[in-house]
Amino acid sequence: MDATPYDTGVRLEPHVWVQDGITSPDGLSRHAEADDYGRVDFDDDEGATIATLWIEGSPTSVEEVFVLKLDVNAPVIIHGPGGEYIGTAQPL
C-alpha cells in the first residue's frame, strides 16, 4: 500500500473530538460536553496534535473560525476556498 499524505506529513490528519457522545481530547475518555462538539485536532505524521480547529455558526452573523495553536509562536496562514492566499495572523 502506498503512503498517504497523512503518512508522509504533507497533510495533517484530522481527528474529531466526539465519537458516539464520548470524547477524549486529552486521552481520558469522558461523556462529551456541548463545547466539545465540532472540534477537530490536526495531528502530524508522528501523532502529535499541531492545532485544534472549530467553526461556530450564528443565524445573525457570519461564521467564526477558531484555531487553537499548540505552537503559539507560529503564524496562522489563511487561504480562501480556491486556495488563494488571504492573509497571515501573527501570534500576540
Protein backbone atom coordinates (compact mmCIF):
# COMPACT_ATOMS: atom_id res chain seq x y z
CA MET A 1 0.00 0.00 0.00
CA ASP A 2 1.30 3.47 -0.87
CA ALA A 3 1.93 6.01 1.85
CA THR A 4 -0.85 8.57 2.18
CA PRO A 5 -0.32 12.35 2.53
CA TYR A 6 -1.05 11.77 6.25
CA ASP A 7 1.76 9.18 6.46
CA THR A 8 4.30 11.41 4.73
CA GLY A 9 3.45 14.57 6.69
CA VAL A 10 2.24 16.50 3.63
CA ARG A 11 -1.18 16.90 5.28
CA LEU A 12 -2.14 16.89 8.94
CA GLU A 13 -4.60 14.13 9.84
CA PRO A 14 -7.95 15.26 11.29
CA HIS A 15 -9.38 13.62 14.42
CA VAL A 16 -12.88 14.61 15.52
CA TRP A 17 -13.15 15.01 19.29
CA VAL A 18 -16.62 13.43 19.71
CA GLN A 19 -17.41 9.86 18.67
CA ASP A 20 -20.84 8.49 19.70
CA GLY A 21 -21.18 11.04 22.53
CA ILE A 22 -17.74 10.25 24.02
CA THR A 23 -14.70 12.49 23.76
CA SER A 24 -11.06 12.09 24.71
CA PRO A 25 -9.15 15.25 23.71
CA ASP A 26 -6.54 14.67 26.41
CA GLY A 27 -6.51 10.88 26.20
CA LEU A 28 -9.03 10.38 29.02
CA SER A 29 -12.44 9.28 27.71
CA ARG A 30 -15.48 11.06 29.12
CA HIS A 31 -19.02 11.99 28.09
CA ALA A 32 -18.89 14.86 25.60
CA GLU A 33 -19.92 18.33 26.69
CA ALA A 34 -21.54 20.89 24.37
CA ASP A 35 -18.22 22.72 23.88
CA ASP A 36 -16.51 19.50 22.63
CA TYR A 37 -18.70 19.13 19.54
CA GLY A 38 -17.26 20.33 16.26
CA ARG A 39 -13.65 20.44 17.46
CA VAL A 40 -11.09 18.70 15.29
CA ASP A 41 -7.46 18.02 16.18
CA PHE A 42 -4.95 18.00 13.33
CA ASP A 43 -2.04 15.65 14.01
CA ASP A 44 1.33 15.32 12.27
CA ASP A 45 2.73 12.04 10.92
CA GLU A 46 4.13 11.23 14.39
CA GLY A 47 0.71 11.64 16.04
CA ALA A 48 1.38 14.96 17.77
CA THR A 49 -1.53 17.43 17.72
CA ILE A 50 -0.42 20.58 15.91
CA ALA A 51 -3.70 22.53 16.10
CA THR A 52 -7.33 22.24 17.14
CA LEU A 53 -9.94 23.93 14.93
CA TRP A 54 -13.66 24.56 15.22
CA ILE A 55 -16.19 26.77 13.48
CA GLU A 56 -19.20 28.34 15.19
CA GLY A 57 -22.22 29.42 13.22
CA SER A 58 -24.84 32.00 14.00
CA PRO A 59 -28.16 32.76 12.31
CA THR A 60 -27.47 36.50 12.70
CA SER A 61 -23.77 36.81 11.80
CA VAL A 62 -21.02 35.19 9.77
CA GLU A 63 -19.35 32.02 10.99
CA GLU A 64 -16.41 32.39 13.33
CA VAL A 65 -13.37 30.15 12.92
CA PHE A 66 -11.28 29.33 15.97
CA VAL A 67 -7.79 27.85 15.81
CA LEU A 68 -6.06 26.80 18.99
CA LYS A 69 -2.39 26.59 18.08
CA LEU A 70 -0.19 24.46 20.27
CA ASP A 71 2.92 26.24 18.95
CA VAL A 72 1.86 29.77 19.94
CA ASN A 73 4.85 31.37 18.23
CA ALA A 74 3.82 30.17 14.77
CA PRO A 75 1.71 32.34 12.44
CA VAL A 76 -1.58 31.06 11.01
CA ILE A 77 -1.68 31.41 7.21
CA ILE A 78 -5.21 31.89 5.85
CA HIS A 79 -6.26 30.64 2.41
CA GLY A 80 -9.61 31.04 0.67
CA PRO A 81 -11.81 28.28 -0.75
CA GLY A 82 -9.88 28.33 -4.04
CA GLY A 83 -6.52 28.09 -2.30
CA GLU A 84 -5.78 31.80 -2.74
CA TYR A 85 -3.74 33.50 -0.01
CA ILE A 86 -5.89 35.81 2.14
CA GLY A 87 -3.55 36.78 4.96
CA THR A 88 -1.46 35.77 7.91
CA ALA A 89 -2.42 36.06 11.57
CA GLN A 90 0.62 36.69 13.73
CA PRO A 91 0.78 35.44 17.33
CA LEU A 92 0.24 38.01 20.06
